[in-house]
């Protein structure tokens, strides 16, 4: 592909290269550059791609896209923002694949994964659509699963994935879009048909520094979508709605008559939720087999989106009744022969933990035993908050490690426990997560519910810079087999 074609619609401040030059491939990692490639020097938070321009040239780069002139002799193009340029280069390289499909993005602190899975199921059942999915657990092209490393891949990989989806016949794409992805231009150049905002609670302040910065990062999505869908019950929902640049906006809420889509007569059960959904003159009874009040909000987000795409409420209701839960989201782990229950949930934020514990508390006949920790190299401010939530809502708490990464796990635990000071709720600190799970099962009695929070779908634990295998389902089964 010619260099000039790769750089179409990109803000260029200076050309010092042949626009007609043929480019073999685009790289932003100098170690992967081969002869004939274009190297894009991206400024990161741990290193700066400009430092590796000479290495890229030695590996065969024929031109460089950068924000400052290279020190070595190489054709180059100066741009205002090379990270944004990489995204737009990807759009051009893969021939605008998103334009061939109906694009749906979900952003928010909690609920993104569940909403995307619900929408995928609804669209497949009601429209017969082939749906691509990009998210925390995995990426999917129809029924084909593709492992993923992070919620939203780097922009170039996103466009490559869109091209695979379009070529495979996908008509719709449903994707989680994190605040990092929006701020770092990973979906730049994509116009979404629908953008969904679920909620905003404390998370990622290690990156965004303030909640307002975090919110503004989420707001970026609604500058690039045709229809905005907002949780009107969320404290910042009104602000998000008022600043939306979408041509059309829809809101949802529980018992909120100001919302366009309102859930009424909400009933919470141990195995799911039921409610009447009302939008305009339409009303339909819904049932979703995922327990918790938050499940009603996740369902409403998916319903609002599907309705905006023209799917009748009755058809959406029938589809949701046939939709199973999501791995790692209030997931019941089989414990044959035992009279207690073990649940696994991805809750790793204050709001997520509070939601799942309140939900389970509502139908727990015995004691609620919470097992959780906080990740290292992430927002430290939420640690005591989560400690306090644990001892406030659970009957017994076991504080343990999550993904300590490069931090001292015992220091993380000390910060969590600080939030539990002065409580009457008994708690134990067991740093080893395997040992913590076993202790919870040792002390569980009839009708108790153990909530293993924080890991969810993950099957590893990050210690230092390495990932070690740890699947909580396997740990539960191993314990039962030993006993």
Protein backbone atom coordinates (compact mmCIF):
# COMPACT_ATOMS: atom_id res chain seq x y z
CA UNK A 1 0.00 0.00 0.00
CA UNK A 2 1.30 3.46 -0.81
CA UNK A 3 2.40 5.71 2.03
CA UNK A 4 0.05 8.51 0.92
CA UNK A 5 -2.93 6.12 1.11
CA UNK A 6 -2.03 4.99 4.63
CA UNK A 7 -1.88 8.62 5.76
CA UNK A 8 -5.20 9.77 4.29
CA UNK A 9 -7.22 12.06 6.65
CA UNK A 10 -4.35 12.34 9.16
CA UNK A 11 -3.22 15.73 10.45
CA UNK A 12 0.35 16.02 9.15
CA UNK A 13 2.63 18.87 10.13
CA UNK A 14 5.56 18.07 7.80
CA UNK A 15 6.36 15.62 4.95
CA UNK A 16 9.94 14.41 4.59
CA UNK A 17 9.19 11.18 2.71
CA UNK A 18 8.04 9.99 -0.72
CA UNK A 19 4.21 9.79 -0.70
CA UNK A 20 4.39 7.14 -3.44
CA UNK A 21 6.62 4.81 -1.39
CA UNK A 22 5.25 1.26 -1.11
CA UNK A 23 4.76 0.04 2.46
CA UNK A 24 4.85 -3.66 3.30
CA UNK A 25 3.34 -3.45 6.80
CA UNK A 26 2.79 -1.03 9.66
CA UNK A 27 4.57 -1.53 13.01
CA UNK A 28 4.63 0.36 16.29
CA UNK A 29 7.04 -2.08 17.98
CA UNK A 30 10.54 -1.56 16.60
CA UNK A 31 11.45 -5.18 17.39
CA UNK A 32 8.85 -6.42 14.90
CA UNK A 33 9.87 -4.14 12.05
CA UNK A 34 10.92 -5.87 8.83
CA UNK A 35 12.22 -4.66 5.49
CA UNK A 36 9.81 -2.28 3.78
CA UNK A 37 7.74 -1.49 6.88
CA UNK A 38 6.43 1.83 8.16
CA UNK A 39 7.33 2.45 11.81
CA UNK A 40 5.02 4.57 13.96
CA UNK A 41 6.80 6.00 17.02
CA UNK A 42 4.23 6.14 19.81
CA UNK A 43 4.79 7.85 23.14
CA UNK A 44 3.85 5.46 25.95
CA UNK A 45 3.68 5.71 29.73
CA UNK A 46 6.61 3.36 30.33
CA UNK A 47 8.72 4.16 27.29
CA UNK A 48 8.75 6.33 24.18
CA UNK A 49 8.75 4.82 20.69
CA UNK A 50 10.87 7.72 19.46
CA UNK A 51 13.82 6.21 21.34
CA UNK A 52 13.69 3.17 19.06
CA UNK A 53 13.54 4.85 15.66
CA UNK A 54 17.16 4.00 14.87
CA UNK A 55 16.52 0.36 15.81
CA UNK A 56 13.46 0.30 13.54
CA UNK A 57 15.54 1.70 10.67
CA UNK A 58 18.22 -0.95 11.21
CA UNK A 59 15.48 -3.60 11.04
CA UNK A 60 14.33 -2.31 7.65
CA UNK A 61 11.86 0.55 8.19
CA UNK A 62 11.60 2.64 5.03
CA UNK A 63 9.79 5.53 6.70
CA UNK A 64 8.81 6.73 10.16
CA UNK A 65 5.71 8.50 11.48
CA UNK A 66 6.68 10.56 14.53
CA UNK A 67 6.06 13.71 16.54
CA UNK A 68 9.65 15.01 16.38
CA UNK A 69 12.33 14.77 13.73
CA UNK A 70 14.47 11.59 14.00
CA UNK A 71 18.15 11.93 14.86
CA UNK A 72 19.07 9.28 12.29
CA UNK A 73 18.80 9.53 8.48
CA UNK A 74 15.38 8.17 7.48
CA UNK A 75 12.36 9.48 5.53
CA UNK A 76 9.79 10.69 8.03
CA UNK A 77 6.38 12.29 8.45
CA UNK A 78 5.66 14.56 11.39
CA UNK A 79 2.22 14.37 13.00
CA UNK A 80 0.62 16.14 15.94
CA UNK A 81 -0.26 12.90 17.77
CA UNK A 82 1.35 9.65 16.62
CA UNK A 83 -0.95 7.51 18.79
CA UNK A 84 -4.00 8.94 17.06
CA UNK A 85 -2.22 8.65 13.72
CA UNK A 86 -1.64 4.93 14.36
CA UNK A 87 -5.36 4.44 14.83
CA UNK A 88 -6.22 6.24 11.59
CA UNK A 89 -3.46 4.43 9.71
CA UNK A 90 -5.12 1.19 10.85
CA UNK A 91 -8.47 2.41 9.52
CA UNK A 92 -6.86 3.09 6.13
CA UNK A 93 -4.71 -0.06 6.09
CA UNK A 94 -7.72 -2.33 6.62
CA UNK A 95 -10.05 -0.31 4.35
CA UNK A 96 -12.49 1.13 6.89
CA UNK A 97 -13.93 -2.20 8.10
CA UNK A 98 -16.15 -0.67 10.80
CA UNK A 99 -18.18 1.12 8.13
CA UNK A 100 -19.34 -2.27 6.85
CA UNK A 101 -20.97 -3.25 10.18
CA UNK A 102 -23.32 -1.91 12.87
CA UNK A 103 -20.94 -0.83 15.64
CA UNK A 104 -21.98 -0.84 19.31
CA UNK A 105 -19.72 0.28 22.18
CA UNK A 106 -20.27 -0.11 25.92
CA UNK A 107 -18.36 2.01 28.44
CA UNK A 108 -18.64 2.41 32.21
CA UNK A 109 -16.93 1.16 35.36
CA UNK A 110 -19.07 -1.95 35.83
CA UNK A 111 -21.36 -4.08 33.71
CA UNK A 112 -19.59 -3.74 30.35
CA UNK A 113 -18.91 -7.44 29.86
CA UNK A 114 -22.39 -8.60 30.81
CA UNK A 115 -24.07 -5.96 28.63
CA UNK A 116 -22.01 -6.98 25.58
CA UNK A 117 -22.84 -10.66 26.07
CA UNK A 118 -26.54 -9.90 26.54
CA UNK A 119 -26.55 -7.80 23.37
CA UNK A 120 -24.72 -10.45 21.36
CA UNK A 121 -27.32 -13.01 22.38
CA UNK A 122 -30.27 -10.68 21.69
CA UNK A 123 -29.03 -9.69 18.22
CA UNK A 124 -28.26 -13.26 17.23
CA UNK A 125 -31.67 -14.52 18.34
CA UNK A 126 -33.85 -11.66 17.09
CA UNK A 127 -32.07 -10.55 13.92
CA UNK A 128 -30.21 -13.70 12.98
CA UNK A 129 -27.12 -11.50 13.03
CA UNK A 130 -23.54 -12.71 13.03
CA UNK A 131 -21.99 -10.73 15.87
CA UNK A 132 -18.37 -9.92 16.61
CA UNK A 133 -17.50 -9.28 20.26
CA UNK A 134 -14.48 -7.54 21.77
CA UNK A 135 -14.11 -7.58 25.54
CA UNK A 136 -12.45 -8.44 28.81
CA UNK A 137 -13.00 -12.20 28.74
CA UNK A 138 -12.45 -12.94 25.07
CA UNK A 139 -12.93 -11.71 21.54
CA UNK A 140 -15.38 -13.58 19.35
CA UNK A 141 -16.27 -13.78 15.67
CA UNK A 142 -19.66 -15.43 15.76
CA UNK A 143 -18.97 -18.63 17.72
CA UNK A 144 -15.19 -18.52 17.19
CA UNK A 145 -13.30 -17.53 20.34
CA UNK A 146 -10.11 -15.49 20.29
CA UNK A 147 -8.13 -14.96 23.54
CA UNK A 148 -7.60 -11.37 24.66
CA UNK A 149 -5.04 -9.60 26.83
CA UNK A 150 -6.95 -6.44 27.73
CA UNK A 151 -10.42 -4.92 27.48
CA UNK A 152 -9.69 -2.94 24.31
CA UNK A 153 -6.65 -3.95 22.19
CA UNK A 154 -4.28 -1.40 20.65
CA UNK A 155 -5.84 0.56 17.80
CA UNK A 156 -4.05 -1.25 14.96
CA UNK A 157 -5.12 -4.66 16.33
CA UNK A 158 -8.67 -3.34 16.74
CA UNK A 159 -8.84 -2.46 13.05
CA UNK A 160 -7.29 -5.81 12.05
CA UNK A 161 -9.94 -7.55 14.16
CA UNK A 162 -12.71 -5.48 12.56
CA UNK A 163 -11.43 -6.56 9.14
CA UNK A 164 -11.49 -10.24 10.19
CA UNK A 165 -15.03 -9.77 11.46
CA UNK A 166 -16.24 -8.05 8.30
CA UNK A 167 -14.59 -10.67 6.07
CA UNK A 168 -16.21 -13.44 8.16
CA UNK A 169 -19.65 -11.95 7.49
CA UNK A 170 -20.31 -10.18 10.79
CA UNK A 171 -23.18 -7.73 10.54
CA UNK A 172 -22.77 -6.29 14.04
CA UNK A 173 -19.89 -5.68 16.46
CA UNK A 174 -20.43 -5.27 20.21
CA UNK A 175 -17.39 -4.13 22.16
CA UNK A 176 -16.31 -2.99 25.58
CA UNK A 177 -14.49 0.33 25.39
CA UNK A 178 -12.46 1.24 28.45
CA UNK A 179 -11.60 4.76 29.58
CA UNK A 180 -7.96 4.01 28.74
CA UNK A 181 -8.94 3.02 25.21
CA UNK A 182 -10.91 6.21 24.66
CA UNK A 183 -8.22 8.47 26.11
CA UNK A 184 -5.46 6.70 24.19
CA UNK A 185 -7.28 6.82 20.82
CA UNK A 186 -7.62 3.03 20.46
CA UNK A 187 -10.99 3.45 18.72
CA UNK A 188 -10.20 6.73 16.95
CA UNK A 189 -11.67 6.85 13.46
CA UNK A 190 -14.63 4.65 14.37
CA UNK A 191 -18.18 6.01 14.27
CA UNK A 192 -20.42 3.87 16.48
CA UNK A 193 -24.09 3.37 15.75
CA UNK A 194 -24.81 3.08 19.49
CA UNK A 195 -22.73 4.06 22.51
CA UNK A 196 -23.82 2.87 25.99
CA UNK A 197 -22.89 4.34 29.38
CA UNK A 198 -23.52 1.96 32.32
CA UNK A 199 -22.18 3.79 35.39
CA UNK A 200 -19.18 5.55 36.90
CA UNK A 201 -17.62 4.60 40.22
CA UNK A 202 -14.10 4.88 41.59
CA UNK A 203 -11.52 3.02 39.53
CA UNK A 204 -8.38 3.72 37.49
CA UNK A 205 -7.48 6.85 39.46
CA UNK A 206 -3.84 5.72 39.25
CA UNK A 207 -4.17 6.65 35.55
CA UNK A 208 -6.80 9.40 35.40
CA UNK A 209 -5.93 11.02 38.78
CA UNK A 210 -9.41 12.50 39.31
CA UNK A 211 -12.98 11.25 38.88
CA UNK A 212 -13.72 14.15 36.54
CA UNK A 213 -10.83 13.16 34.26
CA UNK A 214 -12.12 9.58 34.39
CA UNK A 215 -15.62 10.75 33.44
CA UNK A 216 -14.36 12.93 30.60
CA UNK A 217 -12.50 9.97 29.15
CA UNK A 218 -15.80 8.06 29.06
CA UNK A 219 -17.51 11.08 27.52
CA UNK A 220 -15.29 10.83 24.41
CA UNK A 221 -17.39 7.89 23.19
CA UNK A 222 -20.45 10.11 22.87
CA UNK A 223 -18.67 12.42 20.47
CA UNK A 224 -18.46 9.50 18.03
CA UNK A 225 -21.79 7.70 18.09
CA UNK A 226 -25.16 8.20 16.40
CA UNK A 227 -27.25 7.07 19.38
CA UNK A 228 -26.28 7.51 23.04
CA UNK A 229 -27.77 5.24 25.73
CA UNK A 230 -27.38 6.42 29.34
CA UNK A 231 -28.10 5.08 32.82
CA UNK A 232 -30.22 7.92 34.18
CA UNK A 233 -30.05 6.56 37.74
CA UNK A 234 -26.26 6.94 37.89
CA UNK A 235 -25.08 10.12 39.69
CA UNK A 236 -23.20 11.35 36.62
CA UNK A 237 -25.73 10.05 34.10
CA UNK A 238 -27.35 13.46 33.66
CA UNK A 239 -23.97 15.11 33.05
CA UNK A 240 -23.02 12.46 30.50
CA UNK A 241 -26.38 12.93 28.79
CA UNK A 242 -26.15 16.74 28.74
CA UNK A 243 -22.70 16.65 27.13
CA UNK A 244 -23.53 13.96 24.58
CA UNK A 245 -23.01 14.93 20.95
CA UNK A 246 -25.00 11.98 19.64
CA UNK A 247 -27.85 12.79 17.23
CA UNK A 248 -30.27 10.85 19.43
CA UNK A 249 -30.16 9.91 23.12
CA UNK A 250 -32.03 7.30 25.17
CA UNK A 251 -32.03 6.86 28.93
CA UNK A 252 -32.93 3.95 31.21
CA UNK A 253 -33.61 3.55 34.90
CA UNK A 254 -35.38 1.51 37.55
CA UNK A 255 -38.64 3.10 38.71
CA UNK A 256 -37.50 6.35 37.10
CA UNK A 257 -40.33 7.97 35.15
CA UNK A 258 -37.87 10.49 33.67
CA UNK A 259 -36.11 7.67 31.82
CA UNK A 260 -37.13 6.70 28.28
CA UNK A 261 -36.93 3.02 29.25
CA UNK A 262 -38.20 2.32 32.75
CA UNK A 263 -38.16 -0.93 34.76
CA UNK A 264 -41.20 -1.28 37.01
CA UNK A 265 -42.29 -3.94 39.48
CA UNK A 266 -38.70 -5.14 39.90
CA UNK A 267 -38.49 -8.49 41.69
CA UNK A 268 -35.18 -9.92 42.89
CA UNK A 269 -34.81 -13.69 43.18
CA UNK A 270 -31.96 -15.99 44.15
CA UNK A 271 -31.67 -17.15 40.54
CA UNK A 272 -32.42 -13.94 38.64
CA UNK A 273 -34.47 -10.78 38.26
CA UNK A 274 -37.91 -9.96 36.85
CA UNK A 275 -39.43 -6.63 35.86
CA UNK A 276 -41.77 -4.89 33.46
CA UNK A 277 -39.96 -2.80 30.86
CA UNK A 278 -41.84 0.24 29.59
CA UNK A 279 -40.75 2.35 26.64
CA UNK A 280 -43.26 4.67 25.00
CA UNK A 281 -46.47 2.68 24.51
CA UNK A 282 -44.67 -0.66 24.66
CA UNK A 283 -44.57 -2.82 27.80
CA UNK A 284 -43.20 -6.31 28.25
CA UNK A 285 -42.30 -8.62 31.14
CA UNK A 286 -38.64 -9.55 31.38
CA UNK A 287 -36.77 -12.26 33.21
CA UNK A 288 -32.99 -12.62 33.31
CA UNK A 289 -31.32 -15.57 35.00
CA UNK A 290 -28.57 -13.52 36.65
CA UNK A 291 -29.34 -12.40 40.23
CA UNK A 292 -28.87 -8.91 41.65
CA UNK A 293 -30.35 -5.46 41.22
CA UNK A 294 -27.36 -4.56 39.05
CA UNK A 295 -28.48 -7.29 36.64
CA UNK A 296 -31.64 -5.30 36.00
CA UNK A 297 -29.49 -2.31 34.98
CA UNK A 298 -27.33 -4.45 32.71
CA UNK A 299 -30.47 -5.86 31.10
CA UNK A 300 -31.95 -2.38 30.65
CA UNK A 301 -28.80 -1.16 28.88
CA UNK A 302 -29.02 -4.06 26.43
CA UNK A 303 -32.79 -3.63 25.99
CA UNK A 304 -32.44 0.10 25.28
CA UNK A 305 -29.77 -0.54 22.66
CA UNK A 306 -31.70 -3.34 20.92
CA UNK A 307 -34.86 -1.22 20.97
CA UNK A 308 -32.95 1.69 19.42
CA UNK A 309 -31.93 -0.70 16.64
CA UNK A 310 -35.59 -1.48 15.98
CA UNK A 311 -36.07 -4.78 17.82
CA UNK A 312 -39.54 -5.01 19.45
CA UNK A 313 -39.66 -5.36 23.26
CA UNK A 314 -41.45 -8.71 23.10
CA UNK A 315 -38.72 -10.23 20.95
CA UNK A 316 -36.00 -8.85 23.23
CA UNK A 317 -37.79 -10.36 26.24
CA UNK A 318 -37.97 -13.80 24.64
CA UNK A 319 -34.27 -13.64 23.75
CA UNK A 320 -33.17 -12.65 27.27
CA UNK A 321 -35.09 -15.58 28.78
CA UNK A 322 -32.87 -17.87 26.70
CA UNK A 323 -29.65 -16.07 27.62
CA UNK A 324 -27.29 -17.71 30.10
CA UNK A 325 -25.05 -15.93 32.58
CA UNK A 326 -21.49 -14.82 31.90
CA UNK A 327 -18.44 -16.65 33.19
CA UNK A 328 -17.10 -14.97 36.32
CA UNK A 329 -20.19 -12.83 36.88
CA UNK A 330 -22.15 -14.16 39.89
CA UNK A 331 -21.10 -17.62 38.65
CA UNK A 332 -22.17 -20.59 40.76
CA UNK A 333 -19.38 -23.16 41.20
CA UNK A 334 -20.68 -26.74 41.59
CA UNK A 335 -20.11 -28.10 45.11
CA UNK A 336 -21.71 -31.57 44.99
CA UNK A 337 -22.36 -33.09 48.41
CA UNK A 338 -22.01 -29.75 50.22
CA UNK A 339 -24.84 -27.70 51.70
CA UNK A 340 -23.19 -24.33 51.10
CA UNK A 341 -22.76 -22.32 47.89
CA UNK A 342 -19.66 -20.87 46.23
CA UNK A 343 -19.98 -17.91 43.85
CA UNK A 344 -17.27 -16.34 41.70
CA UNK A 345 -17.57 -12.70 40.65
CA UNK A 346 -15.24 -10.25 38.92
CA UNK A 347 -16.11 -7.44 41.37
CA UNK A 348 -12.85 -5.51 41.81
CA UNK A 349 -14.15 -1.99 42.43
CA UNK A 350 -16.00 -0.58 45.46
CA UNK A 351 -19.25 -0.35 43.52
CA UNK A 352 -18.86 -3.83 42.03
CA UNK A 353 -18.14 -5.39 45.42
CA UNK A 354 -21.03 -3.58 47.08
CA UNK A 355 -23.42 -4.64 44.32
CA UNK A 356 -22.59 -8.32 44.47
CA UNK A 357 -22.53 -8.51 48.29
CA UNK A 358 -25.85 -6.65 48.63
CA UNK A 359 -27.37 -8.88 45.99
CA UNK A 360 -26.24 -12.11 47.62
CA UNK A 361 -27.14 -10.84 51.10
CA UNK A 362 -30.71 -10.46 49.88
CA UNK A 363 -31.20 -14.20 49.41
CA UNK A 364 -28.53 -15.75 51.64
CA UNK A 365 -30.17 -17.93 54.32
CA UNK A 366 -26.93 -18.57 56.21
CA UNK A 367 -23.78 -16.48 56.55
CA UNK A 368 -22.26 -14.44 53.75
CA UNK A 369 -18.51 -15.09 53.59
CA UNK A 370 -16.55 -12.67 51.39
CA UNK A 371 -13.07 -13.49 50.07
CA UNK A 372 -11.32 -10.67 48.20
CA UNK A 373 -8.28 -8.43 47.83
CA UNK A 374 -7.14 -5.56 45.59
CA UNK A 375 -4.78 -5.54 42.63
CA UNK A 376 -1.30 -4.07 42.81
CA UNK A 377 -0.02 -1.25 40.58
CA UNK A 378 -3.60 0.04 40.39
CA UNK A 379 -5.70 2.67 42.16
CA UNK A 380 -4.67 2.44 45.86
CA UNK A 381 -7.42 4.80 47.06
CA UNK A 382 -10.14 2.19 46.69
CA UNK A 383 -8.45 -0.34 49.00
CA UNK A 384 -9.71 0.87 52.41
CA UNK A 385 -13.08 1.65 50.82
CA UNK A 386 -13.42 -1.96 49.71
CA UNK A 387 -12.25 -3.18 53.11
CA UNK A 388 -15.04 -1.22 54.77
CA UNK A 389 -17.63 -2.46 52.26
CA UNK A 390 -16.60 -6.04 52.97
CA UNK A 391 -17.02 -5.87 56.74
CA UNK A 392 -20.20 -3.80 56.44
CA UNK A 393 -22.08 -6.20 54.17
CA UNK A 394 -20.59 -9.65 54.81
CA UNK A 395 -20.91 -11.72 57.97
CA UNK A 396 -17.30 -12.85 57.77
CA UNK A 397 -14.47 -11.57 55.59
CA UNK A 398 -11.21 -13.15 54.45
CA UNK A 399 -8.83 -10.57 53.01
CA UNK A 400 -6.37 -12.06 50.53
CA UNK A 401 -4.27 -11.30 47.44
CA UNK A 402 -5.74 -10.48 44.06
CA UNK A 403 -3.05 -9.64 41.47
CA UNK A 404 -0.32 -8.01 43.58
CA UNK A 405 1.87 -7.46 40.51
CA UNK A 406 5.01 -5.56 41.54
CA UNK A 407 3.67 -4.36 44.91
CA UNK A 408 4.17 -6.05 48.27
CA UNK A 409 0.94 -8.05 48.78
CA UNK A 410 1.10 -7.59 52.53
CA UNK A 411 1.24 -3.80 52.13
CA UNK A 412 -1.83 -3.95 49.89
CA UNK A 413 -3.59 -6.00 52.56
CA UNK A 414 -2.59 -3.52 55.25
CA UNK A 415 -4.28 -0.75 53.25
CA UNK A 416 -7.44 -2.82 52.76
CA UNK A 417 -7.63 -3.77 56.43
CA UNK A 418 -7.36 -0.08 57.40
CA UNK A 419 -10.92 0.28 56.17
CA UNK A 420 -12.11 -2.52 58.47
CA UNK A 421 -10.81 -1.00 61.69
CA UNK A 422 -13.36 -0.73 64.48
CA UNK A 423 -15.72 -3.26 62.93
CA UNK A 424 -17.51 -5.98 64.85
CA UNK A 425 -17.52 -8.21 61.78
CA UNK A 426 -14.92 -10.98 62.17
CA UNK A 427 -12.23 -10.97 59.51
CA UNK A 428 -9.07 -12.90 58.73
CA UNK A 429 -6.04 -12.00 56.63
CA UNK A 430 -4.64 -14.87 54.54
CA UNK A 431 -2.28 -13.56 51.87
CA UNK A 432 -2.13 -16.81 49.86
CA UNK A 433 -5.32 -16.87 47.76
CA UNK A 434 -5.45 -20.66 47.49
CA UNK A 435 -5.21 -20.95 51.26
CA UNK A 436 -7.87 -18.26 51.68
CA UNK A 437 -10.33 -20.16 49.46
CA UNK A 438 -9.70 -23.37 51.39
CA UNK A 439 -10.15 -21.63 54.72
CA UNK A 440 -13.50 -20.23 53.57
CA UNK A 441 -14.66 -23.72 52.62
CA UNK A 442 -13.32 -25.15 55.89
CA UNK A 443 -15.48 -22.83 57.96
CA UNK A 444 -18.59 -22.79 55.72
CA UNK A 445 -21.76 -24.16 57.24
CA UNK A 446 -25.20 -25.14 55.95
CA UNK A 447 -26.83 -22.41 53.81
CA UNK A 448 -23.71 -20.19 53.84
CA UNK A 449 -22.67 -18.47 50.61
CA UNK A 450 -19.00 -17.88 49.86
CA UNK A 451 -18.31 -15.04 47.40
CA UNK A 452 -14.87 -15.20 45.78
CA UNK A 453 -14.58 -11.66 44.42
CA UNK A 454 -12.05 -10.02 42.14
CA UNK A 455 -10.79 -12.72 39.78
CA UNK A 456 -13.98 -13.65 37.94
CA UNK A 457 -13.11 -15.12 34.54
CA UNK A 458 -9.34 -14.84 35.12
CA UNK A 459 -7.40 -18.09 35.38
CA UNK A 460 -4.13 -16.62 36.59
CA UNK A 461 -2.57 -14.50 39.29
CA UNK A 462 -0.07 -11.77 38.47
CA UNK A 463 2.84 -11.79 40.90
CA UNK A 464 5.77 -9.58 40.04
CA UNK A 465 5.79 -9.40 36.26
CA UNK A 466 4.72 -13.03 35.77
CA UNK A 467 1.35 -14.74 35.47
CA UNK A 468 0.86 -17.94 37.46
CA UNK A 469 -2.04 -20.31 36.82
CA UNK A 470 -4.86 -19.91 39.32
CA UNK A 471 -8.40 -20.95 38.40
CA UNK A 472 -10.73 -20.61 41.36
CA UNK A 473 -13.08 -23.23 39.92
CA UNK A 474 -10.22 -25.72 39.92
CA UNK A 475 -9.28 -24.75 43.48
CA UNK A 476 -12.83 -25.42 44.70
CA UNK A 477 -12.94 -28.79 42.93
CA UNK A 478 -9.49 -29.77 44.21
CA UNK A 479 -10.56 -28.99 47.77
CA UNK A 480 -13.72 -31.10 47.41
CA UNK A 481 -11.78 -34.02 45.95
CA UNK A 482 -9.27 -33.93 48.79
CA UNK A 483 -12.07 -33.90 51.37
